[in-house]
Amino acid sequence: MAETKNTGLSAIAVEQVTLYSEYLERDVMIDLYLPLASYHNGQLPLLLINDGQDLPKMRFDEMLDELISTEAIEPLVCIGIHCGPERKMEYGTAFSADFKGRGAKAGLYTKFIFEELLPFIRKAYDMPSFRHKSFAGFSLGGLSALDIVWNHASEFNQVGIFSGSLWWRRKAYDEGYEDEQDRLMHLQVRKGVFHPWLRFFVECGKQDETADRNENGIIDSIDDALDLIVELKAKGYTDQHIQYLELEEGKHDVATWAEAFPVFLKWGWGRVIKN
């Protein structure tokens, strides 16, 4: 049964439900941010968000409510998917675990999304289809979102990556690691194909971390993000497809992602102002 959350909102309703996953063998808590009928007419876009448990910390409900009610963005359905106790196993890249075996359940998490979560939303909320679908996430959840979108491009049109764990690698640094060959997401992009409808929002903070493995004066998270963009552009993507946001004071925390998320929402679903 759905539990109604914040009732002081004008443009959206918020409900929380628990869905049992056969694939993950656990209950999955999800928060649904649903535009009220008065704010939409017809088919809606859908945004899935990993690490949905972080959304209340950034007052996402109030953020989304204000953006929709002021018509800064078009109405959309947002689904915050709470992570489970095996987050580091369920998130990652489905085609390969990392050098420590983390991400071994990423394929099962992908099956949960397509075969359990989406069918549940369509049936329980009478939404047989969506105008288009997007996926976003924070840190390792951002890597997971990108991995799922990249490998199921026919299902999505946008992805949001906030402080993404793009360092995810198949070799340890002391085991002959090479940037060009061992970062798992970069490798997938290099071996993948161009899907002209896909769009990418990539956020990094200059204080995201302190590590600098190649000692070039740029922290690894920014290096990895910029290298991902290089790989995407080598495939044919352009600045029309990619939005890069680098925050001077940005850190690897919810406060930074809360600052960046409205920028992402306006980029992806902003209304065109007509004079």
C-alpha atoms as a PDB file:
ATOM      1  CA  MET A   1       0.000   0.000   0.000  1.00  0.00           C
ATOM      2  CA  ALA A   2       1.273   3.460  -0.894  1.00  0.00           C
ATOM      3  CA  GLU A   3       2.066   5.909   1.877  1.00  0.00           C
ATOM      4  CA  THR A   4       1.386   9.570   1.084  1.00  0.00           C
ATOM      5  CA  LYS A   5       4.239  11.886   2.072  1.00  0.00           C
ATOM      6  CA  ASN A   6       4.478  15.717   2.111  1.00  0.00           C
ATOM      7  CA  THR A   7       0.974  17.174   1.756  1.00  0.00           C
ATOM      8  CA  GLY A   8       2.052  20.836   1.577  1.00  0.00           C
ATOM      9  CA  LEU A   9       2.806  20.666  -2.139  1.00  0.00           C
ATOM     10  CA  SER A  10       0.791  22.292  -4.912  1.00  0.00           C
ATOM     11  CA  ALA A  11       1.955  20.654  -8.153  1.00  0.00           C
ATOM     12  CA  ILE A  12       2.908  17.102  -7.173  1.00  0.00           C
ATOM     13  CA  ALA A  13       1.932  14.286  -4.849  1.00  0.00           C
ATOM     14  CA  VAL A  14       4.538  12.088  -3.177  1.00  0.00           C
ATOM     15  CA  GLU A  15       3.933   8.440  -2.368  1.00  0.00           C
ATOM     16  CA  GLN A  16       6.191   5.751  -0.964  1.00  0.00           C
ATOM     17  CA  VAL A  17       5.722   2.075  -1.765  1.00  0.00           C
ATOM     18  CA  THR A  18       7.663  -1.110  -1.120  1.00  0.00           C
ATOM     19  CA  LEU A  19       8.089  -3.540  -3.995  1.00  0.00           C
ATOM     20  CA  TYR A  20       9.492  -7.029  -3.510  1.00  0.00           C
ATOM     21  CA  SER A  21      12.062  -7.998  -6.128  1.00  0.00           C
ATOM     22  CA  GLU A  22      12.507 -11.639  -7.047  1.00  0.00           C
ATOM     23  CA  TYR A  23      15.733 -10.767  -8.836  1.00  0.00           C
ATOM     24  CA  LEU A  24      17.300  -8.910  -5.902  1.00  0.00           C
ATOM     25  CA  GLU A  25      15.599 -11.101  -3.282  1.00  0.00           C
ATOM     26  CA  ARG A  26      14.709  -8.101  -1.156  1.00  0.00           C
ATOM     27  CA  ASP A  27      12.154  -5.386  -0.646  1.00  0.00           C
ATOM     28  CA  VAL A  28      12.860  -2.232  -2.655  1.00  0.00           C
ATOM     29  CA  MET A  29      11.498   1.033  -1.334  1.00  0.00           C
ATOM     30  CA  ILE A  30      10.570   3.586  -3.968  1.00  0.00           C
ATOM     31  CA  ASP A  31       9.363   7.168  -3.725  1.00  0.00           C
ATOM     32  CA  LEU A  32       7.032   8.381  -6.464  1.00  0.00           C
ATOM     33  CA  TYR A  33       6.837  12.086  -7.273  1.00  0.00           C
ATOM     34  CA  LEU A  34       3.657  12.402  -9.332  1.00  0.00           C
ATOM     35  CA  PRO A  35       2.400  15.573 -11.051  1.00  0.00           C
ATOM     36  CA  LEU A  36      -1.172  16.397 -10.123  1.00  0.00           C
ATOM     37  CA  ALA A  37      -3.737  16.031 -12.877  1.00  0.00           C
ATOM     38  CA  SER A  38      -4.153  19.806 -13.138  1.00  0.00           C
ATOM     39  CA  TYR A  39      -0.509  20.134 -14.159  1.00  0.00           C
ATOM     40  CA  HIS A  40      -0.416  17.611 -16.977  1.00  0.00           C
ATOM     41  CA  ASN A  41      -2.483  16.486 -19.892  1.00  0.00           C
ATOM     42  CA  GLY A  42      -1.642  13.195 -21.490  1.00  0.00           C
ATOM     43  CA  GLN A  43       1.549  11.203 -21.642  1.00  0.00           C
ATOM     44  CA  LEU A  44       4.293  12.163 -19.183  1.00  0.00           C
ATOM     45  CA  PRO A  45       8.083  11.803 -19.235  1.00  0.00           C
ATOM     46  CA  LEU A  46       9.643   9.478 -16.633  1.00  0.00           C
ATOM     47  CA  LEU A  47      12.846  10.017 -14.652  1.00  0.00           C
ATOM     48  CA  LEU A  48      14.283   7.121 -12.634  1.00  0.00           C
ATOM     49  CA  ILE A  49      16.755   8.103  -9.919  1.00  0.00           C
ATOM     50  CA  ASN A  50      19.179   5.751  -8.161  1.00  0.00           C
ATOM     51  CA  ASP A  51      19.943   6.339  -4.466  1.00  0.00           C
ATOM     52  CA  GLY A  52      16.441   7.696  -4.031  1.00  0.00           C
ATOM     53  CA  GLN A  53      16.984   7.686  -0.268  1.00  0.00           C
ATOM     54  CA  ASP A  54      19.094  10.841  -0.753  1.00  0.00           C
ATOM     55  CA  LEU A  55      16.291  12.826  -2.400  1.00  0.00           C
ATOM     56  CA  PRO A  56      14.480  13.785   0.832  1.00  0.00           C
ATOM     57  CA  LYS A  57      17.794  15.106   2.194  1.00  0.00           C
ATOM     58  CA  MET A  58      17.881  17.631  -0.658  1.00  0.00           C
ATOM     59  CA  ARG A  59      14.178  18.475  -0.340  1.00  0.00           C
ATOM     60  CA  PHE A  60      13.624  17.132  -3.805  1.00  0.00           C
ATOM     61  CA  ASP A  61       9.852  17.226  -3.406  1.00  0.00           C
ATOM     62  CA  GLU A  62       9.889  20.986  -2.803  1.00  0.00           C
ATOM     63  CA  MET A  63      12.411  21.513  -5.606  1.00  0.00           C
ATOM     64  CA  LEU A  64      10.332  19.612  -8.149  1.00  0.00           C
ATOM     65  CA  ASP A  65       7.078  21.154  -6.931  1.00  0.00           C
ATOM     66  CA  GLU A  66       8.405  24.682  -7.384  1.00  0.00           C
ATOM     67  CA  LEU A  67       9.881  24.017 -10.824  1.00  0.00           C
ATOM     68  CA  ILE A  68       6.634  22.507 -12.099  1.00  0.00           C
ATOM     69  CA  SER A  69       4.275  25.011 -10.465  1.00  0.00           C
ATOM     70  CA  THR A  70       6.271  27.987 -11.818  1.00  0.00           C
ATOM     71  CA  GLU A  71       6.370  26.296 -15.249  1.00  0.00           C
ATOM     72  CA  ALA A  72      10.173  26.317 -15.276  1.00  0.00           C
ATOM     73  CA  ILE A  73       9.990  22.676 -16.368  1.00  0.00           C
ATOM     74  CA  GLU A  74       7.331  20.478 -17.873  1.00  0.00           C
ATOM     75  CA  PRO A  75       5.567  18.002 -15.548  1.00  0.00           C
ATOM     76  CA  LEU A  76       7.315  14.652 -15.238  1.00  0.00           C
ATOM     77  CA  VAL A  77       7.083  11.537 -13.082  1.00  0.00           C
ATOM     78  CA  CYS A  78      10.142  10.967 -10.896  1.00  0.00           C
ATOM     79  CA  ILE A  79      10.875   7.655  -9.197  1.00  0.00           C
ATOM     80  CA  GLY A  80      13.456   7.613  -6.404  1.00  0.00           C
ATOM     81  CA  ILE A  81      14.749   4.042  -5.990  1.00  0.00           C
ATOM     82  CA  HIS A  82      16.242   3.479  -2.529  1.00  0.00           C
ATOM     83  CA  CYS A  83      19.436   1.457  -2.506  1.00  0.00           C
ATOM     84  CA  GLY A  84      19.705  -1.787  -0.533  1.00  0.00           C
ATOM     85  CA  PRO A  85      22.335  -3.227   1.815  1.00  0.00           C
ATOM     86  CA  GLU A  86      24.257  -4.617  -1.176  1.00  0.00           C
ATOM     87  CA  ARG A  87      24.529  -1.286  -2.991  1.00  0.00           C
ATOM     88  CA  LYS A  88      28.104  -1.922  -4.160  1.00  0.00           C
ATOM     89  CA  MET A  89      27.039  -5.235  -5.673  1.00  0.00           C
ATOM     90  CA  GLU A  90      23.806  -4.065  -7.327  1.00  0.00           C
ATOM     91  CA  TYR A  91      25.231  -0.868  -8.799  1.00  0.00           C
ATOM     92  CA  GLY A  92      28.110  -0.904 -11.272  1.00  0.00           C
ATOM     93  CA  THR A  93      28.460  -2.165 -14.828  1.00  0.00           C
ATOM     94  CA  ALA A  94      26.396  -5.191 -15.806  1.00  0.00           C
ATOM     95  CA  PHE A  95      28.831  -6.649 -18.327  1.00  0.00           C
ATOM     96  CA  SER A  96      31.645  -6.955 -15.788  1.00  0.00           C
ATOM     97  CA  ALA A  97      32.279  -6.643 -12.071  1.00  0.00           C
ATOM     98  CA  ASP A  98      35.181  -4.439 -11.003  1.00  0.00           C
ATOM     99  CA  PHE A  99      38.585  -5.713  -9.911  1.00  0.00           C
ATOM    100  CA  LYS A 100      37.256  -6.463  -6.406  1.00  0.00           C
ATOM    101  CA  GLY A 101      34.182  -8.285  -7.678  1.00  0.00           C
ATOM    102  CA  ARG A 102      31.881  -5.374  -6.883  1.00  0.00           C
ATOM    103  CA  GLY A 103      28.915  -4.879  -9.189  1.00  0.00           C
ATOM    104  CA  ALA A 104      28.322  -8.623  -9.561  1.00  0.00           C
ATOM    105  CA  LYS A 105      24.552  -8.086  -9.191  1.00  0.00           C
ATOM    106  CA  ALA A 106      24.324  -5.152 -11.607  1.00  0.00           C
ATOM    107  CA  GLY A 107      22.749  -7.398 -14.226  1.00  0.00           C
ATOM    108  CA  LEU A 108      20.079  -8.455 -11.741  1.00  0.00           C
ATOM    109  CA  TYR A 109      19.455  -4.816 -10.862  1.00  0.00           C
ATOM    110  CA  THR A 110      18.930  -4.076 -14.550  1.00  0.00           C
ATOM    111  CA  LYS A 111      16.405  -6.920 -14.737  1.00  0.00           C
ATOM    112  CA  PHE A 112      14.644  -5.474 -11.692  1.00  0.00           C
ATOM    113  CA  ILE A 113      14.291  -2.123 -13.480  1.00  0.00           C
ATOM    114  CA  PHE A 114      12.851  -3.512 -16.704  1.00  0.00           C
ATOM    115  CA  GLU A 115      10.963  -6.588 -15.572  1.00  0.00           C
ATOM    116  CA  GLU A 116       9.677  -5.577 -12.130  1.00  0.00           C
ATOM    117  CA  LEU A 117       9.815  -1.826 -11.466  1.00  0.00           C
ATOM    118  CA  LEU A 118       8.587  -0.446 -14.797  1.00  0.00           C
ATOM    119  CA  PRO A 119       5.737  -2.992 -15.145  1.00  0.00           C
ATOM    120  CA  PHE A 120       4.663  -2.188 -11.571  1.00  0.00           C
ATOM    121  CA  ILE A 121       4.565   1.565 -12.256  1.00  0.00           C
ATOM    122  CA  ARG A 122       2.649   1.096 -15.502  1.00  0.00           C
ATOM    123  CA  LYS A 123       0.026  -1.128 -13.884  1.00  0.00           C
ATOM    124  CA  ALA A 124      -0.308   0.370 -10.394  1.00  0.00           C
ATOM    125  CA  TYR A 125      -0.445   3.973 -11.602  1.00  0.00           C
ATOM    126  CA  ASP A 126      -2.257   3.398 -14.908  1.00  0.00           C
ATOM    127  CA  MET A 127       0.640   4.689 -16.983  1.00  0.00           C
ATOM    128  CA  PRO A 128       0.927   2.215 -19.857  1.00  0.00           C
ATOM    129  CA  SER A 129       3.600   4.292 -21.573  1.00  0.00           C
ATOM    130  CA  PHE A 130       5.742   7.392 -21.154  1.00  0.00           C
ATOM    131  CA  ARG A 131       6.656  10.107 -23.626  1.00  0.00           C
ATOM    132  CA  HIS A 132      10.293   9.312 -22.957  1.00  0.00           C
ATOM    133  CA  LYS A 133      12.404   7.875 -20.152  1.00  0.00           C
ATOM    134  CA  SER A 134      15.563   9.114 -18.422  1.00  0.00           C
ATOM    135  CA  PHE A 135      17.780   7.813 -15.631  1.00  0.00           C
ATOM    136  CA  ALA A 136      19.988   9.636 -13.100  1.00  0.00           C
ATOM    137  CA  GLY A 137      22.095   8.818 -10.086  1.00  0.00           C
ATOM    138  CA  PHE A 138      24.735   9.950  -7.640  1.00  0.00           C
ATOM    139  CA  SER A 139      28.264   8.535  -7.301  1.00  0.00           C
ATOM    140  CA  LEU A 140      28.050   4.761  -7.889  1.00  0.00           C
ATOM    141  CA  GLY A 141      24.353   5.235  -8.610  1.00  0.00           C
ATOM    142  CA  GLY A 142      25.363   7.585 -11.429  1.00  0.00           C
ATOM    143  CA  LEU A 143      27.583   4.913 -12.947  1.00  0.00           C
ATOM    144  CA  SER A 144      24.701   2.438 -12.710  1.00  0.00           C
ATOM    145  CA  ALA A 145      22.309   4.858 -14.421  1.00  0.00           C
ATOM    146  CA  LEU A 146      24.763   5.476 -17.259  1.00  0.00           C
ATOM    147  CA  ASP A 147      25.455   1.761 -17.673  1.00  0.00           C
ATOM    148  CA  ILE A 148      21.756   0.953 -17.940  1.00  0.00           C
ATOM    149  CA  VAL A 149      21.014   3.798 -20.357  1.00  0.00           C
ATOM    150  CA  TRP A 150      24.029   3.078 -22.555  1.00  0.00           C
ATOM    151  CA  ASN A 151      23.166  -0.600 -22.868  1.00  0.00           C
ATOM    152  CA  HIS A 152      19.421   0.004 -23.384  1.00  0.00           C
ATOM    153  CA  ALA A 153      19.537   3.105 -25.542  1.00  0.00           C
ATOM    154  CA  SER A 154      16.250   2.267 -27.260  1.00  0.00           C
ATOM    155  CA  GLU A 155      14.497   2.690 -23.889  1.00  0.00           C
ATOM    156  CA  PHE A 156      15.941   6.063 -22.868  1.00  0.00           C
ATOM    157  CA  ASN A 157      16.822   9.481 -24.181  1.00  0.00           C
ATOM    158  CA  GLN A 158      18.719  11.140 -21.287  1.00  0.00           C
ATOM    159  CA  VAL A 159      21.008  10.307 -18.377  1.00  0.00           C
ATOM    160  CA  GLY A 160      22.178  12.415 -15.441  1.00  0.00           C
ATOM    161  CA  ILE A 161      25.499  11.552 -13.778  1.00  0.00           C
ATOM    162  CA  PHE A 162      26.344  13.348 -10.531  1.00  0.00           C
ATOM    163  CA  SER A 163      29.867  12.757  -9.175  1.00  0.00           C
ATOM    164  CA  GLY A 164      29.748   9.477 -11.084  1.00  0.00           C
ATOM    165  CA  SER A 165      32.047   6.610 -10.088  1.00  0.00           C
ATOM    166  CA  LEU A 166      33.603   6.600 -13.547  1.00  0.00           C
ATOM    167  CA  TRP A 167      36.852   5.275 -12.094  1.00  0.00           C
ATOM    168  CA  TRP A 168      35.183   1.802 -11.914  1.00  0.00           C
ATOM    169  CA  ARG A 169      37.946  -0.428 -13.234  1.00  0.00           C
ATOM    170  CA  ARG A 170      38.841  -4.019 -13.970  1.00  0.00           C
ATOM    171  CA  LYS A 171      42.415  -3.825 -12.617  1.00  0.00           C
ATOM    172  CA  ALA A 172      43.921  -2.438  -9.433  1.00  0.00           C
ATOM    173  CA  TYR A 173      46.378   0.414  -9.860  1.00  0.00           C
ATOM    174  CA  ASP A 174      49.271  -1.868  -8.852  1.00  0.00           C
ATOM    175  CA  GLU A 175      48.256  -4.606 -11.303  1.00  0.00           C
ATOM    176  CA  GLY A 176      49.214  -2.901 -14.553  1.00  0.00           C
ATOM    177  CA  TYR A 177      46.184  -0.589 -14.670  1.00  0.00           C
ATOM    178  CA  GLU A 178      45.886   1.693 -17.732  1.00  0.00           C
ATOM    179  CA  ASP A 179      43.321   4.472 -18.153  1.00  0.00           C
ATOM    180  CA  GLU A 180      42.669   3.602 -21.780  1.00  0.00           C
ATOM    181  CA  GLN A 181      42.016  -0.095 -21.237  1.00  0.00           C
ATOM    182  CA  ASP A 182      40.703  -0.638 -17.738  1.00  0.00           C
ATOM    183  CA  ARG A 183      37.946   1.869 -16.910  1.00  0.00           C
ATOM    184  CA  LEU A 184      34.848  -0.231 -17.478  1.00  0.00           C
ATOM    185  CA  MET A 185      32.403   2.471 -18.555  1.00  0.00           C
ATOM    186  CA  HIS A 186      34.850   4.186 -20.887  1.00  0.00           C
ATOM    187  CA  LEU A 187      35.592   0.793 -22.434  1.00  0.00           C
ATOM    188  CA  GLN A 188      31.905   0.163 -23.090  1.00  0.00           C
ATOM    189  CA  VAL A 189      31.474   3.547 -24.751  1.00  0.00           C
ATOM    190  CA  ARG A 190      34.525   2.957 -26.940  1.00  0.00           C
ATOM    191  CA  LYS A 191      33.143  -0.382 -28.087  1.00  0.00           C
ATOM    192  CA  GLY A 192      29.563   0.860 -28.422  1.00  0.00           C
ATOM    193  CA  VAL A 193      27.668   2.622 -31.183  1.00  0.00           C
ATOM    194  CA  PHE A 194      26.244   6.102 -31.702  1.00  0.00           C
ATOM    195  CA  HIS A 195      22.601   6.652 -30.760  1.00  0.00           C
ATOM    196  CA  PRO A 196      21.808  10.207 -31.912  1.00  0.00           C
ATOM    197  CA  TRP A 197      18.838  10.689 -29.562  1.00  0.00           C
ATOM    198  CA  LEU A 198      20.813  10.124 -26.345  1.00  0.00           C
ATOM    199  CA  ARG A 199      21.758  13.137 -24.203  1.00  0.00           C
ATOM    200  CA  PHE A 200      24.184  13.220 -21.285  1.00  0.00           C
ATOM    201  CA  PHE A 201      24.357  15.514 -18.234  1.00  0.00           C
ATOM    202  CA  VAL A 202      27.648  15.155 -16.338  1.00  0.00           C
ATOM    203  CA  GLU A 203      28.307  16.957 -13.050  1.00  0.00           C
ATOM    204  CA  CYS A 204      31.565  17.116 -11.088  1.00  0.00           C
ATOM    205  CA  GLY A 205      32.761  19.177  -8.165  1.00  0.00           C
ATOM    206  CA  LYS A 206      36.289  20.512  -7.917  1.00  0.00           C
ATOM    207  CA  GLN A 207      36.357  19.264  -4.326  1.00  0.00           C
ATOM    208  CA  ASP A 208      34.802  15.898  -5.162  1.00  0.00           C
ATOM    209  CA  GLU A 209      37.976  14.151  -3.984  1.00  0.00           C
ATOM    210  CA  THR A 210      41.723  14.721  -3.625  1.00  0.00           C
ATOM    211  CA  ALA A 211      43.094  11.690  -5.513  1.00  0.00           C
ATOM    212  CA  ASP A 212      45.190  12.439  -8.610  1.00  0.00           C
ATOM    213  CA  ARG A 213      46.569   9.131  -9.889  1.00  0.00           C
ATOM    214  CA  ASN A 214      48.413  10.597 -12.897  1.00  0.00           C
ATOM    215  CA  GLU A 215      49.630  13.657 -10.965  1.00  0.00           C
ATOM    216  CA  ASN A 216      48.430  16.108 -13.612  1.00  0.00           C
ATOM    217  CA  GLY A 217      46.980  18.540 -11.103  1.00  0.00           C
ATOM    218  CA  ILE A 218      43.372  17.503 -11.854  1.00  0.00           C
ATOM    219  CA  ILE A 219      41.440  15.274  -9.474  1.00  0.00           C
ATOM    220  CA  ASP A 220      40.536  11.849 -10.805  1.00  0.00           C
ATOM    221  CA  SER A 221      36.765  12.374 -10.822  1.00  0.00           C
ATOM    222  CA  ILE A 222      37.111  15.336 -13.183  1.00  0.00           C
ATOM    223  CA  ASP A 223      39.675  13.523 -15.335  1.00  0.00           C
ATOM    224  CA  ASP A 224      37.367  10.508 -15.594  1.00  0.00           C
ATOM    225  CA  ALA A 225      34.358  12.681 -16.462  1.00  0.00           C
ATOM    226  CA  LEU A 226      36.213  14.646 -19.124  1.00  0.00           C
ATOM    227  CA  ASP A 227      37.675  11.437 -20.559  1.00  0.00           C
ATOM    228  CA  LEU A 228      34.148  10.010 -20.780  1.00  0.00           C
ATOM    229  CA  ILE A 229      33.095  13.064 -22.764  1.00  0.00           C
ATOM    230  CA  VAL A 230      36.087  12.550 -25.085  1.00  0.00           C
ATOM    231  CA  GLU A 231      34.944   8.952 -25.674  1.00  0.00           C
ATOM    232  CA  LEU A 232      31.368  10.102 -26.331  1.00  0.00           C
ATOM    233  CA  LYS A 233      32.529  12.718 -28.823  1.00  0.00           C
ATOM    234  CA  ALA A 234      34.677  10.125 -30.575  1.00  0.00           C
ATOM    235  CA  LYS A 235      31.431   8.195 -31.125  1.00  0.00           C
ATOM    236  CA  GLY A 236      29.765  11.213 -32.724  1.00  0.00           C
ATOM    237  CA  TYR A 237      28.124  12.994 -29.801  1.00  0.00           C
ATOM    238  CA  THR A 238      28.513  16.768 -29.742  1.00  0.00           C
ATOM    239  CA  ASP A 239      27.947  19.631 -27.322  1.00  0.00           C
ATOM    240  CA  GLN A 240      24.303  19.444 -28.398  1.00  0.00           C
ATOM    241  CA  HIS A 241      24.152  16.033 -26.723  1.00  0.00           C
ATOM    242  CA  ILE A 242      26.370  16.694 -23.697  1.00  0.00           C
ATOM    243  CA  GLN A 243      26.067  19.146 -20.807  1.00  0.00           C
ATOM    244  CA  TYR A 244      29.047  19.298 -18.449  1.00  0.00           C
ATOM    245  CA  LEU A 245      28.653  21.088 -15.127  1.00  0.00           C
ATOM    246  CA  GLU A 246      31.719  21.662 -12.953  1.00  0.00           C
ATOM    247  CA  LEU A 247      31.059  23.278  -9.575  1.00  0.00           C
ATOM    248  CA  GLU A 248      33.914  25.263  -8.046  1.00  0.00           C
ATOM    249  CA  GLU A 249      32.888  24.480  -4.459  1.00  0.00           C
ATOM    250  CA  GLY A 250      31.265  21.157  -5.308  1.00  0.00           C
ATOM    251  CA  LYS A 251      31.937  18.149  -3.102  1.00  0.00           C
ATOM    252  CA  HIS A 252      30.960  14.481  -3.090  1.00  0.00           C
ATOM    253  CA  ASP A 253      27.837  15.120  -1.051  1.00  0.00           C
ATOM    254  CA  VAL A 254      24.096  15.623  -1.132  1.00  0.00           C
ATOM    255  CA  ALA A 255      24.356  19.401  -0.751  1.00  0.00           C
ATOM    256  CA  THR A 256      26.322  19.638  -4.009  1.00  0.00           C
ATOM    257  CA  TRP A 257      23.936  17.358  -5.872  1.00  0.00           C
ATOM    258  CA  ALA A 258      21.024  19.416  -4.554  1.00  0.00           C
ATOM    259  CA  GLU A 259      22.637  22.485  -6.114  1.00  0.00           C
ATOM    260  CA  ALA A 260      23.183  20.712  -9.432  1.00  0.00           C
ATOM    261  CA  PHE A 261      19.862  18.887  -9.754  1.00  0.00           C
ATOM    262  CA  PRO A 262      17.693  21.898 -10.689  1.00  0.00           C
ATOM    263  CA  VAL A 263      20.201  22.660 -13.451  1.00  0.00           C
ATOM    264  CA  PHE A 264      19.760  19.097 -14.704  1.00  0.00           C
ATOM    265  CA  LEU A 265      15.959  19.317 -14.561  1.00  0.00           C
ATOM    266  CA  LYS A 266      15.908  22.593 -16.488  1.00  0.00           C
ATOM    267  CA  TRP A 267      18.358  21.171 -19.033  1.00  0.00           C
ATOM    268  CA  GLY A 268      16.271  18.050 -19.577  1.00  0.00           C
ATOM    269  CA  TRP A 269      12.711  19.268 -19.167  1.00  0.00           C
ATOM    270  CA  GLY A 270      12.869  23.068 -19.293  1.00  0.00           C
ATOM    271  CA  ARG A 271      10.020  24.927 -20.890  1.00  0.00           C
ATOM    272  CA  VAL A 272      10.769  27.203 -23.832  1.00  0.00           C
ATOM    273  CA  ILE A 273       9.670  30.732 -22.956  1.00  0.00           C
ATOM    274  CA  LYS A 274       7.769  32.346 -25.828  1.00  0.00           C
ATOM    275  CA  ASN A 275       7.530  36.139 -26.079  1.00  0.00           C
END
